Amino acid sequence: MNAANIMMYIHHALSRQSGDELISKLGGIRGVSRAWVSPHVPGLVLVDYDPKQIDTQTILGAVVHRGFDARLVGM
């Protein structure tokens, strides 16, 4: 797998439950190998993925589709 990663900022605080649910959903997407919420920066979500299987806009769309106001960081 060719690994790539992105950072997304969620514009409202993630509760532990909503963060866990989001990470679970992202982890279930084909091409995503790992997703986690930063323990140091509230609202920062990090995702490792295979760019041959999925692109950043699809990952961001999955987060927005779940009702989060999210933006890619550094893009």
PDB file of N, CA and C in Angstrom:
ATOM      1  N   MET A   1       0.839  -1.181   0.000  1.00  0.00           N
ATOM      2  CA  MET A   1       0.000   0.000   0.000  1.00  0.00           C
ATOM      3  C   MET A   1       0.880   1.239   0.000  1.00  0.00           C
ATOM      4  N   ASN A   2       0.548   2.203  -0.836  1.00  0.00           N
ATOM      5  CA  ASN A   2       1.201   3.508  -0.808  1.00  0.00           C
ATOM      6  C   ASN A   2       0.470   4.368   0.208  1.00  0.00           C
ATOM      7  N   ALA A   3       1.122   4.693   1.283  1.00  0.00           N
ATOM      8  CA  ALA A   3       0.464   5.437   2.354  1.00  0.00           C
ATOM      9  C   ALA A   3       0.571   6.936   2.129  1.00  0.00           C
ATOM     10  N   ALA A   4      -0.504   7.620   2.396  1.00  0.00           N
ATOM     11  CA  ALA A   4      -0.563   9.071   2.403  1.00  0.00           C
ATOM     12  C   ALA A   4      -1.376   9.456   3.635  1.00  0.00           C
ATOM     13  N   ASN A   5      -1.341  10.714   3.998  1.00  0.00           N
ATOM     14  CA  ASN A   5      -2.134  11.129   5.152  1.00  0.00           C
ATOM     15  C   ASN A   5      -2.645  12.541   4.970  1.00  0.00           C
ATOM     16  N   ILE A   6      -3.734  12.812   5.662  1.00  0.00           N
ATOM     17  CA  ILE A   6      -4.322  14.144   5.668  1.00  0.00           C
ATOM     18  C   ILE A   6      -4.693  14.510   7.094  1.00  0.00           C
ATOM     19  N   MET A   7      -4.855  15.821   7.282  1.00  0.00           N
ATOM     20  CA  MET A   7      -5.378  16.350   8.532  1.00  0.00           C
ATOM     21  C   MET A   7      -6.650  17.115   8.201  1.00  0.00           C
ATOM     22  N   MET A   8      -7.650  16.940   9.041  1.00  0.00           N
ATOM     23  CA  MET A   8      -8.897  17.681   8.910  1.00  0.00           C
ATOM     24  C   MET A   8      -9.183  18.383  10.225  1.00  0.00           C
ATOM     25  N   TYR A   9      -9.688  19.597  10.122  1.00  0.00           N
ATOM     26  CA  TYR A   9     -10.102  20.309  11.317  1.00  0.00           C
ATOM     27  C   TYR A   9     -11.620  20.329  11.365  1.00  0.00           C
ATOM     28  N   ILE A  10     -12.168  19.879  12.481  1.00  0.00           N
ATOM     29  CA  ILE A  10     -13.607  19.897  12.723  1.00  0.00           C
ATOM     30  C   ILE A  10     -13.898  21.176  13.508  1.00  0.00           C
ATOM     31  N   HIS A  11     -14.812  22.005  12.980  1.00  0.00           N
ATOM     32  CA  HIS A  11     -15.048  23.326  13.541  1.00  0.00           C
ATOM     33  C   HIS A  11     -15.899  23.374  14.808  1.00  0.00           C
ATOM     34  N   HIS A  12     -16.245  22.266  15.355  1.00  0.00           N
ATOM     35  CA  HIS A  12     -16.908  22.256  16.659  1.00  0.00           C
ATOM     36  C   HIS A  12     -16.312  21.118  17.471  1.00  0.00           C
ATOM     37  N   ALA A  13     -16.420  21.247  18.742  1.00  0.00           N
ATOM     38  CA  ALA A  13     -15.794  20.255  19.623  1.00  0.00           C
ATOM     39  C   ALA A  13     -16.392  18.873  19.389  1.00  0.00           C
ATOM     40  N   LEU A  14     -15.512  17.896  19.354  1.00  0.00           N
ATOM     41  CA  LEU A  14     -15.948  16.504  19.262  1.00  0.00           C
ATOM     42  C   LEU A  14     -16.037  15.929  20.662  1.00  0.00           C
ATOM     43  N   SER A  15     -17.198  15.407  20.987  1.00  0.00           N
ATOM     44  CA  SER A  15     -17.293  14.675  22.245  1.00  0.00           C
ATOM     45  C   SER A  15     -16.540  13.371  22.062  1.00  0.00           C
ATOM     46  N   ARG A  16     -16.260  12.709  23.142  1.00  0.00           N
ATOM     47  CA  ARG A  16     -15.578  11.411  23.031  1.00  0.00           C
ATOM     48  C   ARG A  16     -16.396  10.454  22.174  1.00  0.00           C
ATOM     49  N   GLN A  17     -17.711  10.435  22.407  1.00  0.00           N
ATOM     50  CA  GLN A  17     -18.587   9.532  21.662  1.00  0.00           C
ATOM     51  C   GLN A  17     -18.631   9.896  20.179  1.00  0.00           C
ATOM     52  N   SER A  18     -18.817  11.175  19.852  1.00  0.00           N
ATOM     53  CA  SER A  18     -18.895  11.546  18.433  1.00  0.00           C
ATOM     54  C   SER A  18     -17.554  11.336  17.739  1.00  0.00           C
ATOM     55  N   GLY A  19     -16.455  11.587  18.447  1.00  0.00           N
ATOM     56  CA  GLY A  19     -15.130  11.319  17.886  1.00  0.00           C
ATOM     57  C   GLY A  19     -14.924   9.852  17.616  1.00  0.00           C
ATOM     58  N   ASP A  20     -15.314   9.015  18.570  1.00  0.00           N
ATOM     59  CA  ASP A  20     -15.172   7.567  18.394  1.00  0.00           C
ATOM     60  C   ASP A  20     -16.027   7.059  17.228  1.00  0.00           C
ATOM     61  N   GLU A  21     -17.248   7.588  17.115  1.00  0.00           N
ATOM     62  CA  GLU A  21     -18.133   7.175  16.026  1.00  0.00           C
ATOM     63  C   GLU A  21     -17.559   7.604  14.675  1.00  0.00           C
ATOM     64  N   LEU A  22     -17.031   8.821  14.599  1.00  0.00           N
ATOM     65  CA  LEU A  22     -16.444   9.303  13.354  1.00  0.00           C
ATOM     66  C   LEU A  22     -15.241   8.464  12.955  1.00  0.00           C
ATOM     67  N   ILE A  23     -14.382   8.161  13.909  1.00  0.00           N
ATOM     68  CA  ILE A  23     -13.197   7.355  13.635  1.00  0.00           C
ATOM     69  C   ILE A  23     -13.597   5.955  13.178  1.00  0.00           C
ATOM     70  N   SER A  24     -14.617   5.408  13.788  1.00  0.00           N
ATOM     71  CA  SER A  24     -15.106   4.090  13.387  1.00  0.00           C
ATOM     72  C   SER A  24     -15.617   4.109  11.949  1.00  0.00           C
ATOM     73  N   LYS A  25     -16.375   5.139  11.602  1.00  0.00           N
ATOM     74  CA  LYS A  25     -16.903   5.255  10.240  1.00  0.00           C
ATOM     75  C   LYS A  25     -15.769   5.428   9.240  1.00  0.00           C
ATOM     76  N   LEU A  26     -14.800   6.289   9.550  1.00  0.00           N
ATOM     77  CA  LEU A  26     -13.674   6.495   8.639  1.00  0.00           C
ATOM     78  C   LEU A  26     -12.864   5.218   8.471  1.00  0.00           C
ATOM     79  N   GLY A  27     -12.662   4.493   9.561  1.00  0.00           N
ATOM     80  CA  GLY A  27     -11.905   3.245   9.499  1.00  0.00           C
ATOM     81  C   GLY A  27     -12.575   2.183   8.651  1.00  0.00           C
ATOM     82  N   GLY A  28     -13.871   2.309   8.441  1.00  0.00           N
ATOM     83  CA  GLY A  28     -14.608   1.351   7.631  1.00  0.00           C
ATOM     84  C   GLY A  28     -14.629   1.671   6.146  1.00  0.00           C
ATOM     85  N   ILE A  29     -14.028   2.788   5.758  1.00  0.00           N
ATOM     86  CA  ILE A  29     -14.008   3.183   4.355  1.00  0.00           C
ATOM     87  C   ILE A  29     -12.855   2.474   3.646  1.00  0.00           C
ATOM     88  N   ARG A  30     -13.150   1.877   2.509  1.00  0.00           N
ATOM     89  CA  ARG A  30     -12.117   1.184   1.734  1.00  0.00           C
ATOM     90  C   ARG A  30     -11.007   2.165   1.360  1.00  0.00           C
ATOM     91  N   GLY A  31      -9.793   1.804   1.667  1.00  0.00           N
ATOM     92  CA  GLY A  31      -8.641   2.646   1.365  1.00  0.00           C
ATOM     93  C   GLY A  31      -8.118   3.407   2.567  1.00  0.00           C
ATOM     94  N   VAL A  32      -8.930   3.525   3.621  1.00  0.00           N
ATOM     95  CA  VAL A  32      -8.477   4.193   4.852  1.00  0.00           C
ATOM     96  C   VAL A  32      -7.862   3.130   5.747  1.00  0.00           C
ATOM     97  N   SER A  33      -6.606   3.332   6.115  1.00  0.00           N
ATOM     98  CA  SER A  33      -5.939   2.338   6.961  1.00  0.00           C
ATOM     99  C   SER A  33      -5.975   2.709   8.436  1.00  0.00           C
ATOM    100  N   ARG A  34      -6.080   4.006   8.731  1.00  0.00           N
ATOM    101  CA  ARG A  34      -6.093   4.430  10.134  1.00  0.00           C
ATOM    102  C   ARG A  34      -6.654   5.835  10.220  1.00  0.00           C
ATOM    103  N   ALA A  35      -7.435   6.090  11.247  1.00  0.00           N
ATOM    104  CA  ALA A  35      -7.953   7.427  11.518  1.00  0.00           C
ATOM    105  C   ALA A  35      -7.962   7.626  13.021  1.00  0.00           C
ATOM    106  N   TRP A  36      -7.656   8.829  13.464  1.00  0.00           N
ATOM    107  CA  TRP A  36      -7.676   9.112  14.894  1.00  0.00           C
ATOM    108  C   TRP A  36      -7.833  10.607  15.127  1.00  0.00           C
ATOM    109  N   VAL A  37      -8.334  10.932  16.308  1.00  0.00           N
ATOM    110  CA  VAL A  37      -8.468  12.314  16.755  1.00  0.00           C
ATOM    111  C   VAL A  37      -7.209  12.655  17.531  1.00  0.00           C
ATOM    112  N   SER A  38      -6.630  13.801  17.228  1.00  0.00           N
ATOM    113  CA  SER A  38      -5.417  14.219  17.927  1.00  0.00           C
ATOM    114  C   SER A  38      -5.685  14.378  19.417  1.00  0.00           C
ATOM    115  N   PRO A  39      -4.840  13.809  20.253  1.00  0.00           N
ATOM    116  CA  PRO A  39      -5.016  13.990  21.696  1.00  0.00           C
ATOM    117  C   PRO A  39      -4.549  15.374  22.158  1.00  0.00           C
ATOM    118  N   HIS A  40      -3.860  16.108  21.279  1.00  0.00           N
ATOM    119  CA  HIS A  40      -3.276  17.395  21.657  1.00  0.00           C
ATOM    120  C   HIS A  40      -4.002  18.602  21.089  1.00  0.00           C
ATOM    121  N   VAL A  41      -4.713  18.412  19.976  1.00  0.00           N
ATOM    122  CA  VAL A  41      -5.404  19.529  19.324  1.00  0.00           C
ATOM    123  C   VAL A  41      -6.876  19.157  19.157  1.00  0.00           C
ATOM    124  N   PRO A  42      -7.757  19.749  19.945  1.00  0.00           N
ATOM    125  CA  PRO A  42      -9.182  19.437  19.829  1.00  0.00           C
ATOM    126  C   PRO A  42      -9.687  19.731  18.411  1.00  0.00           C
ATOM    127  N   GLY A  43     -10.412  18.791  17.854  1.00  0.00           N
ATOM    128  CA  GLY A  43     -10.999  18.975  16.535  1.00  0.00           C
ATOM    129  C   GLY A  43     -10.115  18.561  15.374  1.00  0.00           C
ATOM    130  N   LEU A  44      -8.888  18.151  15.647  1.00  0.00           N
ATOM    131  CA  LEU A  44      -7.992  17.735  14.570  1.00  0.00           C
ATOM    132  C   LEU A  44      -8.104  16.225  14.367  1.00  0.00           C
ATOM    133  N   VAL A  45      -8.466  15.830  13.160  1.00  0.00           N
ATOM    134  CA  VAL A  45      -8.608  14.416  12.812  1.00  0.00           C
ATOM    135  C   VAL A  45      -7.530  14.083  11.788  1.00  0.00           C
ATOM    136  N   LEU A  46      -6.818  13.001  12.018  1.00  0.00           N
ATOM    137  CA  LEU A  46      -5.746  12.568  11.132  1.00  0.00           C
ATOM    138  C   LEU A  46      -6.140  11.250  10.482  1.00  0.00           C
ATOM    139  N   VAL A  47      -5.846  11.118   9.202  1.00  0.00           N
ATOM    140  CA  VAL A  47      -6.257   9.931   8.451  1.00  0.00           C
ATOM    141  C   VAL A  47      -5.101   9.449   7.577  1.00  0.00           C
ATOM    142  N   ASP A  48      -4.773   8.176   7.687  1.00  0.00           N
ATOM    143  CA  ASP A  48      -3.833   7.509   6.783  1.00  0.00           C
ATOM    144  C   ASP A  48      -4.669   6.756   5.763  1.00  0.00           C
ATOM    145  N   TYR A  49      -4.278   6.863   4.493  1.00  0.00           N
ATOM    146  CA  TYR A  49      -5.075   6.238   3.442  1.00  0.00           C
ATOM    147  C   TYR A  49      -4.202   5.867   2.249  1.00  0.00           C
ATOM    148  N   ASP A  50      -4.760   5.070   1.368  1.00  0.00           N
ATOM    149  CA  ASP A  50      -4.101   4.659   0.140  1.00  0.00           C
ATOM    150  C   ASP A  50      -4.673   5.492  -1.007  1.00  0.00           C
ATOM    151  N   PRO A  51      -3.879   6.417  -1.574  1.00  0.00           N
ATOM    152  CA  PRO A  51      -4.407   7.283  -2.634  1.00  0.00           C
ATOM    153  C   PRO A  51      -4.769   6.550  -3.921  1.00  0.00           C
ATOM    154  N   LYS A  52      -4.377   5.289  -4.052  1.00  0.00           N
ATOM    155  CA  LYS A  52      -4.797   4.503  -5.212  1.00  0.00           C
ATOM    156  C   LYS A  52      -6.224   4.000  -5.056  1.00  0.00           C
ATOM    157  N   GLN A  53      -6.728   4.020  -3.811  1.00  0.00           N
ATOM    158  CA  GLN A  53      -8.080   3.510  -3.552  1.00  0.00           C
ATOM    159  C   GLN A  53      -9.087   4.605  -3.227  1.00  0.00           C
ATOM    160  N   ILE A  54      -8.627   5.729  -2.705  1.00  0.00           N
ATOM    161  CA  ILE A  54      -9.538   6.791  -2.275  1.00  0.00           C
ATOM    162  C   ILE A  54      -8.798   8.121  -2.332  1.00  0.00           C
ATOM    163  N   ASP A  55      -9.556   9.213  -2.512  1.00  0.00           N
ATOM    164  CA  ASP A  55      -8.917  10.531  -2.540  1.00  0.00           C
ATOM    165  C   ASP A  55      -9.371  11.380  -1.349  1.00  0.00           C
ATOM    166  N   THR A  56      -8.693  12.486  -1.164  1.00  0.00           N
ATOM    167  CA  THR A  56      -8.945  13.331   0.007  1.00  0.00           C
ATOM    168  C   THR A  56     -10.360  13.913   0.004  1.00  0.00           C
ATOM    169  N   GLN A  57     -10.871  14.262  -1.164  1.00  0.00           N
ATOM    170  CA  GLN A  57     -12.206  14.845  -1.218  1.00  0.00           C
ATOM    171  C   GLN A  57     -13.283  13.841  -0.824  1.00  0.00           C
ATOM    172  N   THR A  58     -13.067  12.586  -1.135  1.00  0.00           N
ATOM    173  CA  THR A  58     -14.017  11.541  -0.742  1.00  0.00           C
ATOM    174  C   THR A  58     -13.997  11.352   0.771  1.00  0.00           C
ATOM    175  N   ILE A  59     -12.803  11.391   1.351  1.00  0.00           N
ATOM    176  CA  ILE A  59     -12.694  11.261   2.812  1.00  0.00           C
ATOM    177  C   ILE A  59     -13.353  12.459   3.481  1.00  0.00           C
ATOM    178  N   LEU A  60     -13.050  13.663   3.010  1.00  0.00           N
ATOM    179  CA  LEU A  60     -13.671  14.865   3.565  1.00  0.00           C
ATOM    180  C   LEU A  60     -15.186  14.806   3.399  1.00  0.00           C
ATOM    181  N   GLY A  61     -15.643  14.381   2.244  1.00  0.00           N
ATOM    182  CA  GLY A  61     -17.080  14.265   2.001  1.00  0.00           C
ATOM    183  C   GLY A  61     -17.768  13.320   2.967  1.00  0.00           C
ATOM    184  N   ALA A  62     -17.089  12.239   3.327  1.00  0.00           N
ATOM    185  CA  ALA A  62     -17.659  11.291   4.288  1.00  0.00           C
ATOM    186  C   ALA A  62     -17.838  11.936   5.655  1.00  0.00           C
ATOM    187  N   VAL A  63     -16.922  12.810   6.022  1.00  0.00           N
ATOM    188  CA  VAL A  63     -17.015  13.512   7.310  1.00  0.00           C
ATOM    189  C   VAL A  63     -18.132  14.551   7.260  1.00  0.00           C
ATOM    190  N   VAL A  64     -18.168  15.340   6.202  1.00  0.00           N
ATOM    191  CA  VAL A  64     -19.204  16.374   6.050  1.00  0.00           C
ATOM    192  C   VAL A  64     -20.582  15.732   5.964  1.00  0.00           C
ATOM    193  N   HIS A  65     -20.685  14.609   5.258  1.00  0.00           N
ATOM    194  CA  HIS A  65     -21.959  13.896   5.126  1.00  0.00           C
ATOM    195  C   HIS A  65     -22.514  13.478   6.490  1.00  0.00           C
ATOM    196  N   ARG A  66     -21.645  13.274   7.447  1.00  0.00           N
ATOM    197  CA  ARG A  66     -22.075  12.890   8.796  1.00  0.00           C
ATOM    198  C   ARG A  66     -22.411  14.104   9.660  1.00  0.00           C
ATOM    199  N   GLY A  67     -22.442  15.285   9.051  1.00  0.00           N
ATOM    200  CA  GLY A  67     -22.908  16.474   9.754  1.00  0.00           C
ATOM    201  C   GLY A  67     -21.828  17.320  10.390  1.00  0.00           C
ATOM    202  N   PHE A  68     -20.572  17.015  10.121  1.00  0.00           N
ATOM    203  CA  PHE A  68     -19.487  17.804  10.702  1.00  0.00           C
ATOM    204  C   PHE A  68     -19.064  18.914   9.753  1.00  0.00           C
ATOM    205  N   ASP A  69     -18.771  20.080  10.309  1.00  0.00           N
ATOM    206  CA  ASP A  69     -18.222  21.197   9.540  1.00  0.00           C
ATOM    207  C   ASP A  69     -16.706  21.022   9.546  1.00  0.00           C
ATOM    208  N   ALA A  70     -16.172  20.428   8.493  1.00  0.00           N
ATOM    209  CA  ALA A  70     -14.758  20.036   8.457  1.00  0.00           C
ATOM    210  C   ALA A  70     -14.059  20.666   7.267  1.00  0.00           C
ATOM    211  N   ARG A  71     -12.763  20.901   7.441  1.00  0.00           N
ATOM    212  CA  ARG A  71     -11.905  21.430   6.380  1.00  0.00           C
ATOM    213  C   ARG A  71     -10.599  20.660   6.366  1.00  0.00           C
ATOM    214  N   LEU A  72     -10.031  20.469   5.188  1.00  0.00           N
ATOM    215  CA  LEU A  72      -8.696  19.895   5.091  1.00  0.00           C
ATOM    216  C   LEU A  72      -7.696  20.951   5.547  1.00  0.00           C
ATOM    217  N   VAL A  73      -6.684  20.536   6.275  1.00  0.00           N
ATOM    218  CA  VAL A  73      -5.652  21.447   6.758  1.00  0.00           C
ATOM    219  C   VAL A  73      -4.472  21.380   5.794  1.00  0.00           C
ATOM    220  N   GLY A  74      -4.000  22.550   5.370  1.00  0.00           N
ATOM    221  CA  GLY A  74      -2.821  22.612   4.524  1.00  0.00           C
ATOM    222  C   GLY A  74      -3.054  22.273   3.078  1.00  0.00           C
ATOM    223  N   MET A  75      -4.293  22.310   2.640  1.00  0.00           N
ATOM    224  CA  MET A  75      -4.587  21.983   1.249  1.00  0.00           C
ATOM    225  C   MET A  75      -5.169  23.184   0.547  1.00  0.00           C
TER     226      MET A  75
END
